[in-house]
C-alpha atoms as a PDB file:
ATOM      1  CA  MET A   1      89.105  33.118   9.566  1.00  0.00           C
ATOM      2  CA  ASP A   2      92.464  33.808   7.937  1.00  0.00           C
ATOM      3  CA  SER A   3      94.219  31.002   9.780  1.00  0.00           C
ATOM      4  CA  ASN A   4      95.737  28.141   7.784  1.00  0.00           C
ATOM      5  CA  ILE A   5      94.916  25.681  10.550  1.00  0.00           C
ATOM      6  CA  HIS A   6      91.895  23.643   9.464  1.00  0.00           C
ATOM      7  CA  GLU A   7      90.465  23.182  12.946  1.00  0.00           C
ATOM      8  CA  ILE A   8      90.558  26.940  13.590  1.00  0.00           C
ATOM      9  CA  GLN A   9      88.884  27.593  10.227  1.00  0.00           C
ATOM     10  CA  GLU A  10      86.111  25.159  11.086  1.00  0.00           C
ATOM     11  CA  GLN A  11      85.475  26.782  14.456  1.00  0.00           C
ATOM     12  CA  ALA A  12      85.535  30.269  12.945  1.00  0.00           C
ATOM     13  CA  VAL A  13      83.078  29.305  10.200  1.00  0.00           C
ATOM     14  CA  TRP A  14      80.799  27.694  12.781  1.00  0.00           C
ATOM     15  CA  ALA A  15      80.963  30.752  15.049  1.00  0.00           C
ATOM     16  CA  ILE A  16      80.117  33.208  12.279  1.00  0.00           C
ATOM     17  CA  GLY A  17      77.212  31.073  11.091  1.00  0.00           C
ATOM     18  CA  ASN A  18      75.946  30.862  14.627  1.00  0.00           C
ATOM     19  CA  ILE A  19      76.087  34.641  15.047  1.00  0.00           C
ATOM     20  CA  ALA A  20      74.338  35.174  11.700  1.00  0.00           C
ATOM     21  CA  SER A  21      71.458  32.950  12.826  1.00  0.00           C
ATOM     22  CA  ASP A  22      70.663  35.220  15.779  1.00  0.00           C
ATOM     23  CA  SER A  23      68.592  37.775  13.859  1.00  0.00           C
ATOM     24  CA  ILE A  24      68.279  39.529  10.514  1.00  0.00           C
ATOM     25  CA  LYS A  25      69.951  42.608  11.965  1.00  0.00           C
ATOM     26  CA  THR A  26      72.897  40.577  13.242  1.00  0.00           C
ATOM     27  CA  ARG A  27      73.126  38.632   9.985  1.00  0.00           C
ATOM     28  CA  ASP A  28      73.315  41.827   7.965  1.00  0.00           C
ATOM     29  CA  LYS A  29      76.031  43.193  10.224  1.00  0.00           C
ATOM     30  CA  VAL A  30      78.038  40.018   9.691  1.00  0.00           C
ATOM     31  CA  ILE A  31      77.588  40.451   5.936  1.00  0.00           C
ATOM     32  CA  GLN A  32      78.719  44.084   6.159  1.00  0.00           C
ATOM     33  CA  LYS A  33      81.838  42.932   8.004  1.00  0.00           C
ATOM     34  CA  ARG A  34      82.496  40.495   5.120  1.00  0.00           C
ATOM     35  CA  GLY A  35      81.799  37.427   7.232  1.00  0.00           C
ATOM     36  CA  LEU A  36      79.799  35.698   4.492  1.00  0.00           C
ATOM     37  CA  GLU A  37      82.418  36.619   1.915  1.00  0.00           C
ATOM     38  CA  LYS A  38      85.153  35.025   4.021  1.00  0.00           C
ATOM     39  CA  ILE A  39      83.139  31.837   4.510  1.00  0.00           C
ATOM     40  CA  ILE A  40      82.626  31.536   0.756  1.00  0.00           C
ATOM     41  CA  LYS A  41      86.341  32.155   0.215  1.00  0.00           C
ATOM     42  CA  ILE A  42      87.210  29.306   2.594  1.00  0.00           C
ATOM     43  CA  PHE A  43      84.541  27.112   1.008  1.00  0.00           C
ATOM     44  CA  THR A  44      86.088  27.671  -2.436  1.00  0.00           C
ATOM     45  CA  THR A  45      89.256  25.796  -1.498  1.00  0.00           C
ATOM     46  CA  ALA A  46      87.833  23.459   1.158  1.00  0.00           C
ATOM     47  CA  GLU A  47      88.736  19.799   0.730  1.00  0.00           C
ATOM     48  CA  ARG A  48      88.150  18.419   4.219  1.00  0.00           C
ATOM     49  CA  VAL A  49      84.645  17.015   4.650  1.00  0.00           C
ATOM     50  CA  ASN A  50      84.167  18.636   8.054  1.00  0.00           C
ATOM     51  CA  LEU A  51      85.111  22.061   6.720  1.00  0.00           C
ATOM     52  CA  ILE A  52      82.754  21.701   3.754  1.00  0.00           C
ATOM     53  CA  LYS A  53      79.940  20.710   6.109  1.00  0.00           C
ATOM     54  CA  HIS A  54      80.650  23.635   8.416  1.00  0.00           C
ATOM     55  CA  CYS A  55      80.602  26.041   5.469  1.00  0.00           C
ATOM     56  CA  VAL A  56      77.287  24.759   4.136  1.00  0.00           C
ATOM     57  CA  TRP A  57      75.687  24.791   7.596  1.00  0.00           C
ATOM     58  CA  SER A  58      76.871  28.346   8.128  1.00  0.00           C
ATOM     59  CA  ILE A  59      75.632  29.511   4.723  1.00  0.00           C
ATOM     60  CA  SER A  60      72.232  27.966   5.447  1.00  0.00           C
ATOM     61  CA  ASN A  61      71.937  30.302   8.436  1.00  0.00           C
ATOM     62  CA  PHE A  62      72.474  33.299   6.179  1.00  0.00           C
ATOM     63  CA  CYS A  63      69.681  32.104   3.851  1.00  0.00           C
ATOM     64  CA  ARG A  64      66.904  31.513   6.384  1.00  0.00           C
ATOM     65  CA  GLY A  65      65.717  35.011   7.217  1.00  0.00           C
ATOM     66  CA  LYS A  66      63.550  37.392   5.240  1.00  0.00           C
ATOM     67  CA  PRO A  67      64.416  39.468   3.397  1.00  0.00           C
ATOM     68  CA  ALA A  68      67.084  37.154   2.028  1.00  0.00           C
ATOM     69  CA  PRO A  69      70.599  38.421   1.310  1.00  0.00           C
ATOM     70  CA  ASP A  70      71.108  39.892  -2.145  1.00  0.00           C
ATOM     71  CA  PHE A  71      71.393  37.266  -4.883  1.00  0.00           C
ATOM     72  CA  GLU A  72      74.794  38.539  -5.994  1.00  0.00           C
ATOM     73  CA  LEU A  73      76.124  37.865  -2.483  1.00  0.00           C
ATOM     74  CA  MET A  74      74.798  34.318  -2.499  1.00  0.00           C
ATOM     75  CA  LYS A  75      75.550  33.503  -6.137  1.00  0.00           C
ATOM     76  CA  PRO A  76      79.126  32.224  -5.552  1.00  0.00           C
ATOM     77  CA  ALA A  77      77.821  29.863  -2.868  1.00  0.00           C
ATOM     78  CA  ILE A  78      75.318  28.180  -5.198  1.00  0.00           C
ATOM     79  CA  ASP A  79      77.949  26.564  -7.430  1.00  0.00           C
ATOM     80  CA  LEU A  80      79.938  25.489  -4.376  1.00  0.00           C
ATOM     81  CA  VAL A  81      76.917  23.869  -2.740  1.00  0.00           C
ATOM     82  CA  ILE A  82      75.978  22.054  -5.957  1.00  0.00           C
ATOM     83  CA  LYS A  83      79.542  20.788  -6.358  1.00  0.00           C
ATOM     84  CA  SER A  84      79.547  19.575  -2.759  1.00  0.00           C
ATOM     85  CA  ILE A  85      76.227  17.756  -3.196  1.00  0.00           C
ATOM     86  CA  TYR A  86      77.839  15.551  -5.839  1.00  0.00           C
ATOM     87  CA  LYS A  87      80.848  14.987  -3.628  1.00  0.00           C
ATOM     88  CA  LEU A  88      78.944  14.172  -0.426  1.00  0.00           C
ATOM     89  CA  ASP A  89      75.712  12.717  -1.788  1.00  0.00           C
ATOM     90  CA  LYS A  90      75.718   9.917   0.814  1.00  0.00           C
ATOM     91  CA  ASP A  91      76.376  12.175   3.814  1.00  0.00           C
ATOM     92  CA  MET A  92      72.898  12.651   5.252  1.00  0.00           C
ATOM     93  CA  GLU A  93      73.856  15.341   7.756  1.00  0.00           C
ATOM     94  CA  PHE A  94      75.433  17.413   4.996  1.00  0.00           C
ATOM     95  CA  LEU A  95      72.529  16.884   2.579  1.00  0.00           C
ATOM     96  CA  VAL A  96      70.026  18.259   5.082  1.00  0.00           C
ATOM     97  CA  ASP A  97      71.852  21.606   5.203  1.00  0.00           C
ATOM     98  CA  ALA A  98      72.718  21.657   1.493  1.00  0.00           C
ATOM     99  CA  CYS A  99      69.149  20.980   0.378  1.00  0.00           C
ATOM    100  CA  TRP A 100      67.804  23.660   2.700  1.00  0.00           C
ATOM    101  CA  VAL A 101      70.272  26.161   1.237  1.00  0.00           C
ATOM    102  CA  ILE A 102      68.974  25.430  -2.269  1.00  0.00           C
ATOM    103  CA  SER A 103      65.403  25.493  -0.988  1.00  0.00           C
ATOM    104  CA  TYR A 104      65.765  28.928   0.621  1.00  0.00           C
ATOM    105  CA  LEU A 105      67.528  30.386  -2.400  1.00  0.00           C
ATOM    106  CA  THR A 106      65.025  29.053  -4.953  1.00  0.00           C
ATOM    107  CA  GLU A 107      62.254  30.536  -2.817  1.00  0.00           C
ATOM    108  CA  HIS A 108      63.834  33.966  -2.446  1.00  0.00           C
ATOM    109  CA  HIS A 109      65.696  34.318  -5.751  1.00  0.00           C
ATOM    110  CA  LYS A 110      64.171  33.069  -8.999  1.00  0.00           C
ATOM    111  CA  LYS A 111      67.600  33.367 -10.603  1.00  0.00           C
ATOM    112  CA  THR A 112      68.586  30.400  -8.459  1.00  0.00           C
ATOM    113  CA  VAL A 113      65.916  28.320 -10.214  1.00  0.00           C
ATOM    114  CA  LYS A 114      67.505  29.113 -13.568  1.00  0.00           C
ATOM    115  CA  LYS A 115      70.888  28.201 -12.136  1.00  0.00           C
ATOM    116  CA  ILE A 116      69.637  24.837 -10.851  1.00  0.00           C
ATOM    117  CA  LEU A 117      68.004  24.013 -14.171  1.00  0.00           C
ATOM    118  CA  SER A 118      71.164  24.907 -16.093  1.00  0.00           C
ATOM    119  CA  THR A 119      73.014  22.145 -14.219  1.00  0.00           C
ATOM    120  CA  ASN A 120      72.190  18.461 -13.951  1.00  0.00           C
ATOM    121  CA  LEU A 121      71.190  18.795 -10.294  1.00  0.00           C
ATOM    122  CA  LEU A 122      67.446  18.271 -10.741  1.00  0.00           C
ATOM    123  CA  PRO A 123      67.581  14.479 -11.367  1.00  0.00           C
ATOM    124  CA  LYS A 124      69.961  14.203  -8.414  1.00  0.00           C
ATOM    125  CA  LEU A 125      67.529  16.002  -6.132  1.00  0.00           C
ATOM    126  CA  LEU A 126      64.748  13.648  -7.179  1.00  0.00           C
ATOM    127  CA  THR A 127      66.783  10.632  -6.119  1.00  0.00           C
ATOM    128  CA  PHE A 128      67.036  12.144  -2.641  1.00  0.00           C
ATOM    129  CA  LEU A 129      63.270  11.711  -2.323  1.00  0.00           C
ATOM    130  CA  ASP A 130      63.985   7.996  -1.962  1.00  0.00           C
ATOM    131  CA  TYR A 131      66.093   8.643   1.129  1.00  0.00           C
ATOM    132  CA  PRO A 132      63.924   7.784   4.162  1.00  0.00           C
ATOM    133  CA  ILE A 133      64.812  11.034   5.921  1.00  0.00           C
ATOM    134  CA  VAL A 134      62.106  13.689   6.198  1.00  0.00           C
ATOM    135  CA  TYR A 135      64.630  16.484   6.710  1.00  0.00           C
ATOM    136  CA  ILE A 136      66.051  15.743   3.268  1.00  0.00           C
ATOM    137  CA  GLN A 137      62.781  14.938   1.507  1.00  0.00           C
ATOM    138  CA  LEU A 138      61.078  18.128   2.701  1.00  0.00           C
ATOM    139  CA  PRO A 139      63.573  20.682   1.322  1.00  0.00           C
ATOM    140  CA  CYS A 140      63.844  18.690  -1.919  1.00  0.00           C
ATOM    141  CA  LEU A 141      60.091  18.920  -2.383  1.00  0.00           C
ATOM    142  CA  ARG A 142      60.253  22.624  -1.556  1.00  0.00           C
ATOM    143  CA  ILE A 143      62.867  23.099  -4.260  1.00  0.00           C
ATOM    144  CA  ILE A 144      60.677  21.271  -6.774  1.00  0.00           C
ATOM    145  CA  GLY A 145      57.687  23.334  -5.653  1.00  0.00           C
ATOM    146  CA  ASN A 146      59.618  26.552  -6.127  1.00  0.00           C
ATOM    147  CA  ILE A 147      60.580  25.477  -9.637  1.00  0.00           C
ATOM    148  CA  VAL A 148      57.088  24.464 -10.779  1.00  0.00           C
ATOM    149  CA  SER A 149      55.658  27.706  -9.430  1.00  0.00           C
ATOM    150  CA  GLY A 150      57.645  29.410 -12.192  1.00  0.00           C
ATOM    151  CA  ASN A 151      56.916  29.231 -15.900  1.00  0.00           C
ATOM    152  CA  ALA A 152      55.585  26.344 -18.008  1.00  0.00           C
ATOM    153  CA  HIS A 153      59.002  25.505 -19.447  1.00  0.00           C
ATOM    154  CA  GLN A 154      60.506  25.075 -15.982  1.00  0.00           C
ATOM    155  CA  THR A 155      57.565  22.946 -14.916  1.00  0.00           C
ATOM    156  CA  GLN A 156      57.989  20.730 -17.975  1.00  0.00           C
ATOM    157  CA  MET A 157      61.651  20.199 -17.133  1.00  0.00           C
ATOM    158  CA  VAL A 158      60.607  18.893 -13.722  1.00  0.00           C
ATOM    159  CA  ILE A 159      58.027  16.566 -15.276  1.00  0.00           C
ATOM    160  CA  ASP A 160      60.545  15.321 -17.832  1.00  0.00           C
ATOM    161  CA  ALA A 161      62.985  14.592 -14.993  1.00  0.00           C
ATOM    162  CA  GLY A 162      60.430  12.137 -13.576  1.00  0.00           C
ATOM    163  CA  ILE A 163      58.835  13.942 -10.631  1.00  0.00           C
ATOM    164  CA  LEU A 164      55.422  12.325 -11.118  1.00  0.00           C
ATOM    165  CA  GLN A 165      56.701   8.861 -10.238  1.00  0.00           C
ATOM    166  CA  TYR A 166      58.119  10.214  -6.987  1.00  0.00           C
ATOM    167  CA  LEU A 167      54.946  12.149  -6.155  1.00  0.00           C
ATOM    168  CA  LYS A 168      52.941   8.929  -6.362  1.00  0.00           C
ATOM    169  CA  LYS A 169      54.900   7.822  -3.292  1.00  0.00           C
ATOM    170  CA  THR A 170      55.386  11.063  -1.381  1.00  0.00           C
ATOM    171  CA  ILE A 171      51.719  12.000  -1.538  1.00  0.00           C
ATOM    172  CA  PHE A 172      51.029   8.966   0.670  1.00  0.00           C
ATOM    173  CA  HIS A 173      53.890   9.678   3.058  1.00  0.00           C
ATOM    174  CA  GLU A 174      53.235   9.198   6.776  1.00  0.00           C
ATOM    175  CA  LYS A 175      54.346  12.765   7.496  1.00  0.00           C
ATOM    176  CA  ARG A 176      51.725  15.441   6.841  1.00  0.00           C
ATOM    177  CA  SER A 177      54.364  17.999   5.813  1.00  0.00           C
ATOM    178  CA  ILE A 178      55.582  15.736   3.008  1.00  0.00           C
ATOM    179  CA  ARG A 179      52.048  15.067   1.779  1.00  0.00           C
ATOM    180  CA  LYS A 180      51.244  18.779   1.832  1.00  0.00           C
ATOM    181  CA  GLU A 181      54.333  19.735  -0.163  1.00  0.00           C
ATOM    182  CA  SER A 182      53.506  16.998  -2.672  1.00  0.00           C
ATOM    183  CA  CYS A 183      49.994  18.389  -3.088  1.00  0.00           C
ATOM    184  CA  TRP A 184      51.382  21.881  -3.621  1.00  0.00           C
ATOM    185  CA  ILE A 185      53.579  20.607  -6.453  1.00  0.00           C
ATOM    186  CA  ILE A 186      50.672  18.758  -8.060  1.00  0.00           C
ATOM    187  CA  SER A 187      48.442  21.834  -7.878  1.00  0.00           C
ATOM    188  CA  ASN A 188      51.074  23.929  -9.644  1.00  0.00           C
ATOM    189  CA  ILE A 189      51.507  21.321 -12.355  1.00  0.00           C
ATOM    190  CA  ALA A 190      47.719  21.196 -12.775  1.00  0.00           C
ATOM    191  CA  ALA A 191      47.735  24.976 -13.305  1.00  0.00           C
ATOM    192  CA  GLY A 192      50.132  24.540 -16.220  1.00  0.00           C
ATOM    193  CA  THR A 193      49.715  23.669 -19.879  1.00  0.00           C
ATOM    194  CA  GLN A 194      47.299  21.175 -21.398  1.00  0.00           C
ATOM    195  CA  GLN A 195      50.241  18.809 -21.876  1.00  0.00           C
ATOM    196  CA  GLN A 196      51.090  19.024 -18.182  1.00  0.00           C
ATOM    197  CA  ILE A 197      47.490  18.444 -17.110  1.00  0.00           C
ATOM    198  CA  GLU A 198      47.331  15.424 -19.406  1.00  0.00           C
ATOM    199  CA  ALA A 199      50.527  14.097 -17.820  1.00  0.00           C
ATOM    200  CA  LEU A 200      48.758  14.086 -14.446  1.00  0.00           C
ATOM    201  CA  ILE A 201      45.723  12.363 -15.909  1.00  0.00           C
ATOM    202  CA  THR A 202      47.817   9.767 -17.743  1.00  0.00           C
ATOM    203  CA  ASN A 203      49.613   8.962 -14.509  1.00  0.00           C
ATOM    204  CA  ASP A 204      46.294   8.389 -12.690  1.00  0.00           C
ATOM    205  CA  PHE A 205      46.547  11.416 -10.423  1.00  0.00           C
ATOM    206  CA  LEU A 206      42.811  12.096 -10.663  1.00  0.00           C
ATOM    207  CA  LYS A 207      42.167   8.841  -8.817  1.00  0.00           C
ATOM    208  CA  VAL A 208      44.920   9.656  -6.334  1.00  0.00           C
ATOM    209  CA  LEU A 209      43.516  13.113  -5.651  1.00  0.00           C
ATOM    210  CA  GLU A 210      39.991  11.794  -5.293  1.00  0.00           C
ATOM    211  CA  TYR A 211      41.206   9.335  -2.673  1.00  0.00           C
ATOM    212  CA  LYS A 212      43.226  11.992  -0.862  1.00  0.00           C
ATOM    213  CA  ILE A 213      40.344  14.464  -0.738  1.00  0.00           C
ATOM    214  CA  LYS A 214      38.108  11.824   0.792  1.00  0.00           C
ATOM    215  CA  ASN A 215      40.636  10.453   3.269  1.00  0.00           C
ATOM    216  CA  ASP A 216      43.311  13.030   4.127  1.00  0.00           C
ATOM    217  CA  GLU A 217      43.244  16.145   6.304  1.00  0.00           C
ATOM    218  CA  PRO A 218      41.748  19.361   4.843  1.00  0.00           C
ATOM    219  CA  GLU A 219      45.018  21.218   5.487  1.00  0.00           C
ATOM    220  CA  VAL A 220      46.824  18.750   3.253  1.00  0.00           C
ATOM    221  CA  ASN A 221      44.156  18.755   0.557  1.00  0.00           C
ATOM    222  CA  TYR A 222      43.715  22.526   0.356  1.00  0.00           C
ATOM    223  CA  PRO A 223      46.201  23.217  -2.479  1.00  0.00           C
ATOM    224  CA  TYR A 224      44.356  21.089  -5.015  1.00  0.00           C
ATOM    225  CA  LEU A 225      40.724  21.363  -3.956  1.00  0.00           C
ATOM    226  CA  SER A 226      40.216  23.844  -6.803  1.00  0.00           C
ATOM    227  CA  ILE A 227      41.879  21.707  -9.484  1.00  0.00           C
END
């Protein structure tokens, strides 16, 4: 890990991430041995695309398990991942891992939601919903879902960013997982303020939901059957 040779750094980062993915117990031991800290340190100065991708992939393995690592441990990685998303926003392989990192962290740590909303990342994430890659669309929808499951102000920020126009498309996606995540987001918006409910009505979501309830699978429809 302390080598100055880029190829050795990449292999070391990959190896540590691989070990951390084995189990929660193993992951925590790697953290105790400062493995995560060293990866973040390398990530801080990484310029090579391959090294950045290795770092983000490795960090994603630390985020997956429950309970998640302490927020203070992961906090330095959030800014680095966001910065890298802007740098590599056309690299699909990278975006899969980066979006999952943000997805896991917004699920486990509500402070991450505040961090995301304090940057200009939200509109960027919405544009990724236009990428025809399920493994990017799914974590992006999860991130949005994690945000709108918070308070009314956070939900309004998502609406103002234009999520409803994207949901009109994703709710009819061929993949059930995408449709289900879309329904979850809509149900959370519908549980919000009068203004947010009216936004759904104005954008014809009542007709959309009526159609979906009649024609889609019950597992997909479940989140909004009580709207």
